Amino acid sequence: MLDTSGLRVIGVPGARSGLEQTFAEIEHLVRDCRFTDHAHVSEPGGAVPAAVEAGEIPQCRLDSYRQLPGENACAASRTDARLRTDREAAQRDITWHLRAACRFRVRRL
């Protein structure tokens, strides 16, 4: 057990380069994939989904690879005011659209 009084968040400096090193096999597949603008989820002929299906990469490892960039971006937005403003604006937009969808659904009933 550690006493971390006053410490709210533990960040990882250089997280992007660490991500590239930790998930080198996935990064290699992403660079060599014939698609460059997709999420590497279910595109037909994509190198990353094919590697998961072939058993070269465990699905849980790919899930971790997809999750960490979002966590890094969130951690960076805690210290960078511009990133924090962008994240809050995106959250407001999502909330507005969800509320609009609910209002539309209620009017239809």
C-alpha atoms as a PDB file:
ATOM      1  CA  MET A   1       0.000   0.000   0.000  1.00  0.00           C
ATOM      2  CA  LEU A   2       1.242   3.456  -0.896  1.00  0.00           C
ATOM      3  CA  ASP A   3       0.298   6.732   0.694  1.00  0.00           C
ATOM      4  CA  THR A   4      -0.320   9.081  -2.204  1.00  0.00           C
ATOM      5  CA  SER A   5      -1.737  12.120  -0.456  1.00  0.00           C
ATOM      6  CA  GLY A   6      -2.369  14.883  -2.958  1.00  0.00           C
ATOM      7  CA  LEU A   7      -1.694  12.648  -5.946  1.00  0.00           C
ATOM      8  CA  ARG A   8      -4.802  12.441  -8.100  1.00  0.00           C
ATOM      9  CA  VAL A   9      -3.559  10.910 -11.340  1.00  0.00           C
ATOM     10  CA  ILE A  10      -0.539   8.911 -12.340  1.00  0.00           C
ATOM     11  CA  GLY A  11       0.511   9.758 -15.883  1.00  0.00           C
ATOM     12  CA  VAL A  12       2.921   8.096 -18.240  1.00  0.00           C
ATOM     13  CA  PRO A  13       5.274  10.517 -20.009  1.00  0.00           C
ATOM     14  CA  GLY A  14       6.135   9.502 -23.551  1.00  0.00           C
ATOM     15  CA  ALA A  15       3.089   7.253 -23.681  1.00  0.00           C
ATOM     16  CA  ARG A  16       2.871   7.245 -27.488  1.00  0.00           C
ATOM     17  CA  SER A  17       6.390   5.888 -27.951  1.00  0.00           C
ATOM     18  CA  GLY A  18       5.771   3.409 -25.147  1.00  0.00           C
ATOM     19  CA  LEU A  19       2.601   2.294 -26.873  1.00  0.00           C
ATOM     20  CA  GLU A  20       4.530   1.734 -30.099  1.00  0.00           C
ATOM     21  CA  GLN A  21       7.132  -0.335 -28.260  1.00  0.00           C
ATOM     22  CA  THR A  22       4.663  -2.326 -26.177  1.00  0.00           C
ATOM     23  CA  PHE A  23       2.427  -3.195 -29.104  1.00  0.00           C
ATOM     24  CA  ALA A  24       5.151  -3.417 -31.759  1.00  0.00           C
ATOM     25  CA  GLU A  25       3.546  -6.396 -33.525  1.00  0.00           C
ATOM     26  CA  ILE A  26       0.237  -4.562 -33.870  1.00  0.00           C
ATOM     27  CA  GLU A  27       1.945  -1.337 -34.967  1.00  0.00           C
ATOM     28  CA  HIS A  28       3.827  -3.339 -37.606  1.00  0.00           C
ATOM     29  CA  LEU A  29       0.564  -4.798 -38.927  1.00  0.00           C
ATOM     30  CA  VAL A  30      -1.079  -1.364 -38.931  1.00  0.00           C
ATOM     31  CA  ARG A  31       1.777   0.136 -40.957  1.00  0.00           C
ATOM     32  CA  ASP A  32       1.701  -2.723 -43.471  1.00  0.00           C
ATOM     33  CA  CYS A  33      -2.096  -2.890 -43.751  1.00  0.00           C
ATOM     34  CA  ARG A  34      -3.584  -2.001 -47.117  1.00  0.00           C
ATOM     35  CA  PHE A  35      -6.096   0.249 -45.346  1.00  0.00           C
ATOM     36  CA  THR A  36      -4.757   3.408 -43.704  1.00  0.00           C
ATOM     37  CA  ASP A  37      -7.911   5.092 -42.460  1.00  0.00           C
ATOM     38  CA  HIS A  38      -9.872   2.506 -40.526  1.00  0.00           C
ATOM     39  CA  ALA A  39     -10.215   1.218 -36.999  1.00  0.00           C
ATOM     40  CA  HIS A  40      -8.803  -2.250 -37.766  1.00  0.00           C
ATOM     41  CA  VAL A  41     -11.989  -3.869 -36.539  1.00  0.00           C
ATOM     42  CA  SER A  42     -13.836  -5.711 -39.274  1.00  0.00           C
ATOM     43  CA  GLU A  43     -12.661  -4.357 -42.612  1.00  0.00           C
ATOM     44  CA  PRO A  44     -12.461  -7.179 -45.154  1.00  0.00           C
ATOM     45  CA  GLY A  45      -8.859  -7.929 -45.997  1.00  0.00           C
ATOM     46  CA  GLY A  46      -7.451  -5.935 -43.086  1.00  0.00           C
ATOM     47  CA  ALA A  47      -4.169  -7.195 -41.655  1.00  0.00           C
ATOM     48  CA  VAL A  48      -5.050  -6.678 -37.986  1.00  0.00           C
ATOM     49  CA  PRO A  49      -8.387  -8.570 -37.930  1.00  0.00           C
ATOM     50  CA  ALA A  50      -6.789 -11.314 -40.030  1.00  0.00           C
ATOM     51  CA  ALA A  51      -3.972 -11.680 -37.482  1.00  0.00           C
ATOM     52  CA  VAL A  52      -6.514 -11.972 -34.660  1.00  0.00           C
ATOM     53  CA  GLU A  53      -8.499 -14.597 -36.564  1.00  0.00           C
ATOM     54  CA  ALA A  54      -5.315 -16.535 -37.335  1.00  0.00           C
ATOM     55  CA  GLY A  55      -4.382 -16.534 -33.651  1.00  0.00           C
ATOM     56  CA  GLU A  56      -1.222 -14.469 -34.132  1.00  0.00           C
ATOM     57  CA  ILE A  57      -2.520 -11.754 -31.792  1.00  0.00           C
ATOM     58  CA  PRO A  58      -4.885 -12.418 -28.871  1.00  0.00           C
ATOM     59  CA  GLN A  59      -8.134 -10.438 -28.977  1.00  0.00           C
ATOM     60  CA  CYS A  60      -7.551  -9.110 -25.456  1.00  0.00           C
ATOM     61  CA  ARG A  61      -4.194  -7.644 -26.565  1.00  0.00           C
ATOM     62  CA  LEU A  62      -5.866  -5.852 -29.468  1.00  0.00           C
ATOM     63  CA  ASP A  63      -8.556  -4.562 -27.100  1.00  0.00           C
ATOM     64  CA  SER A  64      -5.850  -3.118 -24.845  1.00  0.00           C
ATOM     65  CA  TYR A  65      -4.153  -1.538 -27.857  1.00  0.00           C
ATOM     66  CA  ARG A  66      -7.414   0.175 -28.801  1.00  0.00           C
ATOM     67  CA  GLN A  67      -8.148   1.346 -25.253  1.00  0.00           C
ATOM     68  CA  LEU A  68      -4.814   2.922 -24.317  1.00  0.00           C
ATOM     69  CA  PRO A  69      -4.737   5.818 -26.828  1.00  0.00           C
ATOM     70  CA  GLY A  70      -8.059   7.063 -25.457  1.00  0.00           C
ATOM     71  CA  GLU A  71      -6.761   6.833 -21.913  1.00  0.00           C
ATOM     72  CA  ASN A  72      -3.593   8.703 -22.921  1.00  0.00           C
ATOM     73  CA  ALA A  73      -5.644  11.440 -24.588  1.00  0.00           C
ATOM     74  CA  CYS A  74      -7.814  11.789 -21.498  1.00  0.00           C
ATOM     75  CA  ALA A  75      -4.771  12.014 -19.233  1.00  0.00           C
ATOM     76  CA  ALA A  76      -3.191  14.626 -21.526  1.00  0.00           C
ATOM     77  CA  SER A  77      -6.382  16.698 -21.479  1.00  0.00           C
ATOM     78  CA  ARG A  78      -6.135  16.950 -17.699  1.00  0.00           C
ATOM     79  CA  THR A  79      -2.956  18.997 -17.992  1.00  0.00           C
ATOM     80  CA  ASP A  80      -3.484  20.799 -21.330  1.00  0.00           C
ATOM     81  CA  ALA A  81      -6.225  23.449 -21.287  1.00  0.00           C
ATOM     82  CA  ARG A  82      -6.785  23.333 -25.052  1.00  0.00           C
ATOM     83  CA  LEU A  83      -7.198  19.561 -25.053  1.00  0.00           C
ATOM     84  CA  ARG A  84      -9.507  19.788 -22.047  1.00  0.00           C
ATOM     85  CA  THR A  85     -11.672  22.374 -23.847  1.00  0.00           C
ATOM     86  CA  ASP A  86     -11.853  20.155 -26.938  1.00  0.00           C
ATOM     87  CA  ARG A  87     -12.806  17.106 -24.859  1.00  0.00           C
ATOM     88  CA  GLU A  88     -15.496  19.029 -22.981  1.00  0.00           C
ATOM     89  CA  ALA A  89     -16.909  20.406 -26.250  1.00  0.00           C
ATOM     90  CA  ALA A  90     -17.106  16.886 -27.681  1.00  0.00           C
ATOM     91  CA  GLN A  91     -18.891  15.688 -24.535  1.00  0.00           C
ATOM     92  CA  ARG A  92     -21.370  18.588 -24.787  1.00  0.00           C
ATOM     93  CA  ASP A  93     -22.072  17.721 -28.435  1.00  0.00           C
ATOM     94  CA  ILE A  94     -22.724  14.091 -27.579  1.00  0.00           C
ATOM     95  CA  THR A  95     -25.030  15.088 -24.724  1.00  0.00           C
ATOM     96  CA  TRP A  96     -26.928  17.514 -26.952  1.00  0.00           C
ATOM     97  CA  HIS A  97     -27.444  14.861 -29.648  1.00  0.00           C
ATOM     98  CA  LEU A  98     -28.585  12.265 -27.129  1.00  0.00           C
ATOM     99  CA  ARG A  99     -31.096  14.677 -25.623  1.00  0.00           C
ATOM    100  CA  ALA A 100     -32.355  15.619 -29.096  1.00  0.00           C
ATOM    101  CA  ALA A 101     -32.814  11.941 -29.956  1.00  0.00           C
ATOM    102  CA  CYS A 102     -34.760  11.376 -26.731  1.00  0.00           C
ATOM    103  CA  ARG A 103     -36.986  14.409 -27.424  1.00  0.00           C
ATOM    104  CA  PHE A 104     -37.657  13.133 -30.940  1.00  0.00           C
ATOM    105  CA  ARG A 105     -38.507   9.673 -29.647  1.00  0.00           C
ATOM    106  CA  VAL A 106     -40.910  11.094 -27.032  1.00  0.00           C
ATOM    107  CA  ARG A 107     -42.687  13.236 -29.664  1.00  0.00           C
ATOM    108  CA  ARG A 108     -43.213  10.196 -31.891  1.00  0.00           C
ATOM    109  CA  LEU A 109     -44.933   8.230 -29.115  1.00  0.00           C
END
